[in-house]
N, C-alpha and C. Protein backbone atom coordinates (compact mmCIF):
# COMPACT_ATOMS: atom_id res chain seq x y z
N MET A 1 250.74 95.89 115.96
CA MET A 1 250.64 95.23 117.24
C MET A 1 249.21 95.39 117.75
N SER A 2 248.64 94.34 118.31
CA SER A 2 247.27 94.42 118.82
C SER A 2 247.26 95.01 120.23
N ARG A 3 246.12 95.59 120.56
CA ARG A 3 245.98 96.17 121.90
C ARG A 3 245.79 95.05 122.92
N ARG A 4 246.32 95.24 124.09
CA ARG A 4 246.14 94.28 125.17
C ARG A 4 244.78 94.51 125.81
N ARG A 5 244.11 93.44 126.16
CA ARG A 5 242.83 93.52 126.84
C ARG A 5 243.08 93.26 128.33
N VAL A 6 242.59 94.16 129.17
CA VAL A 6 242.88 94.12 130.60
C VAL A 6 241.57 94.16 131.38
N LEU A 7 241.52 93.42 132.48
CA LEU A 7 240.38 93.48 133.39
C LEU A 7 240.81 94.26 134.63
N ALA A 8 240.16 95.39 134.87
CA ALA A 8 240.46 96.21 136.05
C ALA A 8 239.42 95.93 137.12
N THR A 9 239.84 95.75 138.36
CA THR A 9 238.92 95.51 139.46
C THR A 9 239.24 96.42 140.63
N SER A 10 238.19 96.95 141.23
CA SER A 10 238.32 97.73 142.45
C SER A 10 236.93 97.95 143.02
N PRO A 11 236.74 97.73 144.32
CA PRO A 11 235.42 98.01 144.90
C PRO A 11 235.15 99.51 145.02
N ASP A 12 236.20 100.32 144.92
CA ASP A 12 236.08 101.77 145.03
C ASP A 12 235.84 102.36 143.64
N LEU A 13 234.67 102.94 143.42
CA LEU A 13 234.29 103.42 142.09
C LEU A 13 235.23 104.50 141.57
N ASP A 14 235.63 105.46 142.40
CA ASP A 14 236.54 106.51 141.94
C ASP A 14 237.90 105.93 141.55
N GLN A 15 238.38 104.99 142.35
CA GLN A 15 239.65 104.35 142.02
C GLN A 15 239.53 103.56 140.72
N LEU A 16 238.41 102.88 140.52
CA LEU A 16 238.20 102.12 139.29
C LEU A 16 238.20 103.04 138.07
N ARG A 17 237.57 104.19 138.19
CA ARG A 17 237.59 105.16 137.09
C ARG A 17 239.02 105.58 136.76
N ARG A 18 239.82 105.85 137.80
CA ARG A 18 241.21 106.28 137.56
C ARG A 18 242.02 105.16 136.92
N ILE A 19 241.83 103.92 137.39
CA ILE A 19 242.55 102.77 136.83
C ILE A 19 242.22 102.61 135.35
N VAL A 20 240.91 102.64 135.03
CA VAL A 20 240.48 102.47 133.64
C VAL A 20 241.06 103.58 132.77
N ALA A 21 240.98 104.82 133.22
CA ALA A 21 241.51 105.94 132.43
C ALA A 21 243.00 105.78 132.18
N ASN A 22 243.76 105.40 133.21
CA ASN A 22 245.21 105.24 133.04
C ASN A 22 245.55 104.10 132.09
N LEU A 23 244.85 102.97 132.21
CA LEU A 23 245.12 101.84 131.32
C LEU A 23 244.74 102.16 129.88
N GLU A 24 243.63 102.86 129.69
CA GLU A 24 243.23 103.22 128.32
C GLU A 24 244.20 104.22 127.72
N ARG A 25 244.70 105.16 128.53
CA ARG A 25 245.70 106.10 128.03
C ARG A 25 246.97 105.36 127.59
N ALA A 26 247.25 104.24 128.26
CA ALA A 26 248.44 103.44 127.93
C ALA A 26 248.18 102.54 126.71
N GLY A 27 246.95 102.57 126.18
CA GLY A 27 246.67 101.83 124.96
C GLY A 27 245.97 100.50 125.17
N ALA A 28 245.60 100.16 126.39
CA ALA A 28 244.93 98.89 126.64
C ALA A 28 243.43 98.99 126.39
N GLU A 29 242.83 97.89 126.02
CA GLU A 29 241.37 97.80 125.95
C GLU A 29 240.94 97.27 127.31
N VAL A 30 240.15 98.03 128.04
CA VAL A 30 239.89 97.74 129.45
C VAL A 30 238.44 97.37 129.71
N ASP A 31 238.25 96.27 130.43
CA ASP A 31 236.97 95.92 131.01
C ASP A 31 237.09 96.24 132.50
N ALA A 32 235.98 96.63 133.13
CA ALA A 32 236.06 97.04 134.53
C ALA A 32 234.94 96.41 135.33
N VAL A 33 235.28 95.89 136.50
CA VAL A 33 234.29 95.32 137.42
C VAL A 33 234.63 95.76 138.83
N ARG A 34 233.61 95.78 139.68
CA ARG A 34 233.86 96.18 141.07
C ARG A 34 234.24 94.99 141.94
N SER A 35 234.00 93.77 141.46
CA SER A 35 234.46 92.59 142.19
C SER A 35 234.71 91.47 141.18
N CYS A 36 235.61 90.57 141.51
CA CYS A 36 235.94 89.47 140.60
C CYS A 36 234.74 88.57 140.34
N SER A 37 233.80 88.52 141.27
CA SER A 37 232.62 87.67 141.08
C SER A 37 231.75 88.16 139.92
N ALA A 38 231.94 89.42 139.50
CA ALA A 38 231.14 89.98 138.41
C ALA A 38 231.39 89.29 137.07
N VAL A 39 232.53 88.64 136.92
CA VAL A 39 232.83 87.98 135.65
C VAL A 39 232.42 86.51 135.66
N ALA A 40 231.78 86.07 136.72
CA ALA A 40 231.34 84.68 136.80
C ALA A 40 229.91 84.51 136.29
N GLY A 41 229.23 85.60 135.98
CA GLY A 41 227.83 85.55 135.57
C GLY A 41 227.63 85.28 134.10
N GLU A 42 226.37 85.35 133.69
CA GLU A 42 225.99 85.10 132.30
C GLU A 42 226.50 86.19 131.38
N VAL A 43 226.50 87.42 131.86
CA VAL A 43 226.94 88.56 131.06
C VAL A 43 228.22 89.11 131.68
N ILE A 44 229.30 89.02 130.92
CA ILE A 44 230.56 89.59 131.41
C ILE A 44 230.58 91.05 130.98
N PRO A 45 230.73 91.97 131.94
CA PRO A 45 230.71 93.39 131.59
C PRO A 45 231.78 93.70 130.57
N HIS A 46 231.44 94.57 129.62
CA HIS A 46 232.46 94.91 128.66
C HIS A 46 232.73 96.40 128.62
N ARG A 47 231.80 97.17 129.01
CA ARG A 47 232.02 98.60 129.21
C ARG A 47 231.12 99.03 130.35
N TYR A 48 231.48 100.08 130.98
CA TYR A 48 230.66 100.59 132.05
C TYR A 48 230.17 101.99 131.73
N ILE A 49 228.96 102.26 132.15
CA ILE A 49 228.45 103.61 132.16
C ILE A 49 228.48 104.01 133.63
N PHE A 50 229.08 105.12 133.96
CA PHE A 50 229.06 105.61 135.32
C PHE A 50 228.02 106.70 135.41
N PHE A 51 227.07 106.55 136.32
CA PHE A 51 226.08 107.59 136.47
C PHE A 51 225.75 107.78 137.93
N ALA A 52 225.22 108.95 138.25
CA ALA A 52 224.96 109.30 139.64
C ALA A 52 223.76 108.54 140.17
N MET A 53 224.01 107.66 141.09
CA MET A 53 222.97 106.90 141.78
C MET A 53 223.26 107.04 143.27
N PRO A 54 222.27 106.85 144.13
CA PRO A 54 222.53 106.99 145.56
C PRO A 54 223.66 106.09 146.06
N ASP A 55 223.77 104.86 145.50
CA ASP A 55 224.82 103.96 145.97
C ASP A 55 226.08 104.02 145.10
N GLY A 56 226.07 104.81 144.03
CA GLY A 56 227.27 104.99 143.21
C GLY A 56 227.63 103.80 142.33
N ASN A 57 226.74 102.85 142.14
CA ASN A 57 227.06 101.67 141.34
C ASN A 57 227.06 101.99 139.85
N PRO A 58 228.05 101.46 139.13
CA PRO A 58 228.00 101.59 137.68
C PRO A 58 227.04 100.55 137.11
N ALA A 59 226.68 100.71 135.87
CA ALA A 59 225.82 99.75 135.18
C ALA A 59 226.60 99.14 134.03
N SER A 60 226.33 97.88 133.73
CA SER A 60 226.96 97.23 132.58
C SER A 60 226.26 97.71 131.32
N LEU A 61 227.03 98.16 130.39
CA LEU A 61 226.50 98.64 129.12
C LEU A 61 226.29 97.45 128.19
N ILE A 62 225.05 97.22 127.80
CA ILE A 62 224.73 96.11 126.90
C ILE A 62 224.70 96.58 125.46
N ASP A 63 224.07 97.72 125.21
CA ASP A 63 223.97 98.27 123.86
C ASP A 63 223.86 99.79 123.98
N ILE A 64 224.33 100.48 122.95
CA ILE A 64 224.28 101.94 122.99
C ILE A 64 224.06 102.49 121.59
N SER A 65 223.31 103.58 121.51
CA SER A 65 223.13 104.33 120.27
C SER A 65 223.26 105.81 120.60
N THR A 66 223.07 106.65 119.63
CA THR A 66 223.18 108.09 119.85
C THR A 66 222.09 108.60 120.79
N VAL A 67 220.94 107.94 120.82
CA VAL A 67 219.81 108.45 121.60
C VAL A 67 219.51 107.66 122.87
N GLY A 68 220.21 106.54 123.10
CA GLY A 68 219.92 105.77 124.29
C GLY A 68 220.81 104.55 124.44
N ALA A 69 220.54 103.79 125.50
CA ALA A 69 221.35 102.61 125.81
C ALA A 69 220.51 101.59 126.54
N GLN A 70 220.97 100.35 126.52
CA GLN A 70 220.41 99.31 127.36
C GLN A 70 221.48 98.95 128.38
N VAL A 71 221.10 98.88 129.65
CA VAL A 71 222.06 98.61 130.72
C VAL A 71 221.54 97.50 131.64
N LEU A 72 222.48 96.90 132.38
CA LEU A 72 222.17 96.00 133.48
C LEU A 72 222.72 96.64 134.74
N SER A 73 221.93 96.65 135.81
CA SER A 73 222.35 97.30 137.04
C SER A 73 221.85 96.54 138.26
N THR A 74 222.65 96.50 139.30
CA THR A 74 222.18 95.94 140.57
C THR A 74 221.39 96.99 141.35
N ALA A 75 221.57 98.25 140.98
CA ALA A 75 220.81 99.33 141.61
C ALA A 75 219.40 99.37 141.01
N VAL A 76 218.43 99.75 141.80
CA VAL A 76 217.04 99.83 141.34
C VAL A 76 216.91 100.91 140.27
N LEU A 77 216.31 100.54 139.15
CA LEU A 77 216.02 101.48 138.07
C LEU A 77 214.53 101.39 137.77
N LYS A 78 213.86 102.53 137.77
CA LYS A 78 212.41 102.57 137.56
C LYS A 78 212.08 103.46 136.37
N PRO A 79 211.01 103.12 135.62
CA PRO A 79 210.62 103.97 134.50
C PRO A 79 210.41 105.42 134.95
N ASN A 80 210.82 106.35 134.11
CA ASN A 80 210.75 107.80 134.33
C ASN A 80 211.76 108.33 135.34
N GLN A 81 212.59 107.46 135.92
CA GLN A 81 213.62 107.90 136.86
C GLN A 81 214.64 108.73 136.09
N ARG A 82 215.03 109.87 136.63
CA ARG A 82 216.02 110.75 136.00
C ARG A 82 217.41 110.37 136.47
N LEU A 83 218.38 110.39 135.55
CA LEU A 83 219.76 110.03 135.85
C LEU A 83 220.70 111.09 135.30
N ARG A 84 221.85 111.21 135.92
CA ARG A 84 222.95 111.98 135.35
C ARG A 84 223.95 110.93 134.92
N MET A 85 224.30 110.91 133.65
CA MET A 85 225.16 109.86 133.14
C MET A 85 226.49 110.42 132.67
N SER A 86 227.47 109.55 132.66
CA SER A 86 228.80 109.90 132.16
C SER A 86 229.39 108.68 131.49
N LEU A 87 229.74 108.81 130.21
CA LEU A 87 230.46 107.78 129.49
C LEU A 87 231.94 108.11 129.63
N ASN A 88 232.70 107.22 130.23
CA ASN A 88 234.10 107.51 130.55
C ASN A 88 235.05 106.67 129.72
N ASP A 89 236.07 107.29 129.17
CA ASP A 89 237.18 106.57 128.57
C ASP A 89 238.39 107.50 128.50
N GLN A 90 239.45 107.04 127.81
CA GLN A 90 240.69 107.81 127.76
C GLN A 90 240.52 109.17 127.11
N ALA A 91 239.51 109.34 126.29
CA ALA A 91 239.28 110.62 125.62
C ALA A 91 238.57 111.62 126.51
N GLY A 92 238.10 111.17 127.67
CA GLY A 92 237.41 112.05 128.60
C GLY A 92 236.01 111.57 128.92
N ASP A 93 235.23 112.44 129.51
CA ASP A 93 233.87 112.10 129.92
C ASP A 93 232.86 112.78 128.99
N VAL A 94 231.80 112.04 128.67
CA VAL A 94 230.65 112.60 127.98
C VAL A 94 229.54 112.61 129.02
N ARG A 95 229.17 113.77 129.52
CA ARG A 95 228.18 113.88 130.60
C ARG A 95 226.87 114.44 130.07
N PHE A 96 225.77 113.89 130.58
CA PHE A 96 224.45 114.34 130.14
C PHE A 96 223.37 113.81 131.08
N ARG A 97 222.16 114.33 130.90
CA ARG A 97 221.01 113.86 131.66
C ARG A 97 220.31 112.78 130.85
N ALA A 98 219.67 111.84 131.56
CA ALA A 98 218.97 110.74 130.90
C ALA A 98 217.76 110.35 131.74
N SER A 99 216.93 109.50 131.15
CA SER A 99 215.73 109.03 131.83
C SER A 99 215.56 107.53 131.55
N VAL A 100 215.07 106.80 132.52
CA VAL A 100 214.78 105.38 132.32
C VAL A 100 213.49 105.27 131.52
N ALA A 101 213.58 104.74 130.29
CA ALA A 101 212.41 104.59 129.42
C ALA A 101 211.60 103.36 129.81
N TRP A 102 212.29 102.27 130.15
CA TRP A 102 211.63 101.04 130.58
C TRP A 102 212.61 100.29 131.47
N ALA A 103 212.09 99.42 132.31
CA ALA A 103 212.94 98.62 133.19
C ALA A 103 212.26 97.30 133.50
N SER A 104 213.07 96.27 133.65
CA SER A 104 212.54 94.97 134.06
C SER A 104 213.46 94.38 135.12
N PHE A 105 212.86 93.71 136.07
CA PHE A 105 213.58 93.07 137.15
C PHE A 105 213.93 91.65 136.72
N GLU A 106 215.17 91.22 136.98
CA GLU A 106 215.61 89.88 136.62
C GLU A 106 216.31 89.24 137.81
N ILE A 107 216.22 87.94 137.87
CA ILE A 107 217.02 87.20 138.85
C ILE A 107 217.97 86.33 138.07
N SER A 108 219.26 86.56 138.27
CA SER A 108 220.29 85.79 137.58
C SER A 108 221.03 84.93 138.60
N SER A 109 221.98 84.15 138.13
CA SER A 109 222.77 83.32 139.04
C SER A 109 223.56 84.18 140.03
N LYS A 110 223.78 85.45 139.68
CA LYS A 110 224.52 86.36 140.56
C LYS A 110 223.62 87.18 141.47
N GLY A 111 222.31 86.99 141.34
CA GLY A 111 221.39 87.73 142.19
C GLY A 111 220.49 88.65 141.39
N PRO A 112 219.70 89.45 142.10
CA PRO A 112 218.76 90.34 141.42
C PRO A 112 219.46 91.48 140.68
N ARG A 113 218.84 91.88 139.57
CA ARG A 113 219.38 93.00 138.80
C ARG A 113 218.24 93.59 137.97
N TYR A 114 218.52 94.77 137.43
CA TYR A 114 217.54 95.45 136.59
C TYR A 114 218.13 95.62 135.19
N ARG A 115 217.34 95.30 134.19
CA ARG A 115 217.66 95.58 132.80
C ARG A 115 216.82 96.79 132.43
N ALA A 116 217.45 97.80 131.84
CA ALA A 116 216.71 99.02 131.56
C ALA A 116 217.11 99.65 130.25
N GLY A 117 216.14 100.31 129.64
CA GLY A 117 216.39 101.13 128.47
C GLY A 117 216.52 102.57 128.93
N ILE A 118 217.60 103.20 128.57
CA ILE A 118 217.89 104.57 129.00
C ILE A 118 217.77 105.51 127.81
N GLN A 119 216.97 106.56 127.97
CA GLN A 119 216.82 107.57 126.92
C GLN A 119 217.71 108.76 127.28
N PHE A 120 218.59 109.14 126.36
CA PHE A 120 219.46 110.29 126.57
C PHE A 120 218.65 111.56 126.34
N LEU A 121 218.69 112.50 127.27
CA LEU A 121 217.88 113.71 127.17
C LEU A 121 218.62 114.88 126.52
N ASP A 122 219.82 115.15 126.97
CA ASP A 122 220.54 116.30 126.43
C ASP A 122 221.98 115.95 126.05
N ALA A 123 222.18 114.70 125.60
CA ALA A 123 223.52 114.26 125.22
C ALA A 123 223.94 114.92 123.91
N ASN A 124 225.21 115.23 123.80
CA ASN A 124 225.78 115.75 122.57
C ASN A 124 225.95 114.56 121.62
N ALA A 125 225.17 114.51 120.55
CA ALA A 125 225.15 113.36 119.63
C ALA A 125 226.54 113.08 119.04
N GLN A 126 227.29 114.13 118.71
CA GLN A 126 228.62 113.93 118.13
C GLN A 126 229.56 113.27 119.13
N GLN A 127 229.49 113.70 120.39
CA GLN A 127 230.35 113.11 121.41
C GLN A 127 229.96 111.65 121.68
N VAL A 128 228.66 111.36 121.72
CA VAL A 128 228.21 109.97 121.94
C VAL A 128 228.63 109.10 120.76
N ASP A 129 228.46 109.59 119.53
CA ASP A 129 228.88 108.83 118.35
C ASP A 129 230.39 108.56 118.38
N ALA A 130 231.16 109.54 118.79
CA ALA A 130 232.61 109.36 118.89
C ALA A 130 232.95 108.30 119.94
N TYR A 131 232.25 108.31 121.08
CA TYR A 131 232.45 107.30 122.12
C TYR A 131 232.14 105.92 121.55
N ILE A 132 231.01 105.80 120.84
CA ILE A 132 230.62 104.51 120.25
C ILE A 132 231.68 104.04 119.27
N ALA A 133 232.17 104.92 118.43
CA ALA A 133 233.18 104.56 117.43
C ALA A 133 234.47 104.07 118.09
N ARG A 134 234.84 104.67 119.23
CA ARG A 134 236.06 104.25 119.93
C ARG A 134 235.91 102.89 120.58
N HIS A 135 234.69 102.43 120.78
CA HIS A 135 234.46 101.19 121.52
C HIS A 135 233.79 100.10 120.71
N LYS A 136 233.93 100.16 119.40
CA LYS A 136 233.35 99.11 118.52
C LYS A 136 234.16 97.85 118.64
């Protein structure tokens, strides 16, 4: 039997994390957005990275490797900015420190956003690889 794909929405970030975790524990493949308008853009979010930012916004994960990731964010991201990141799924959280390696400002049909390359500073490579394997 194939896994069901579900879109979870909630403007409340903590609630969204709980919804995603519960749905993934139930066996669903979950996409998460903070508003339904997020799926009307050019890039439909497919996974989220949750990291500590002043406004608490998650970033859309575009690409990920053991040493870094490319993300899209409505929150301002600047080169050399330090971040605390957490990759969340049903298996738990992978938490680590990271730094913005590069960033570019874009204007899309949904408004301004930042595309950034994130360098993982102290991530556990085995845990990140396991996260990547679970989300191929």
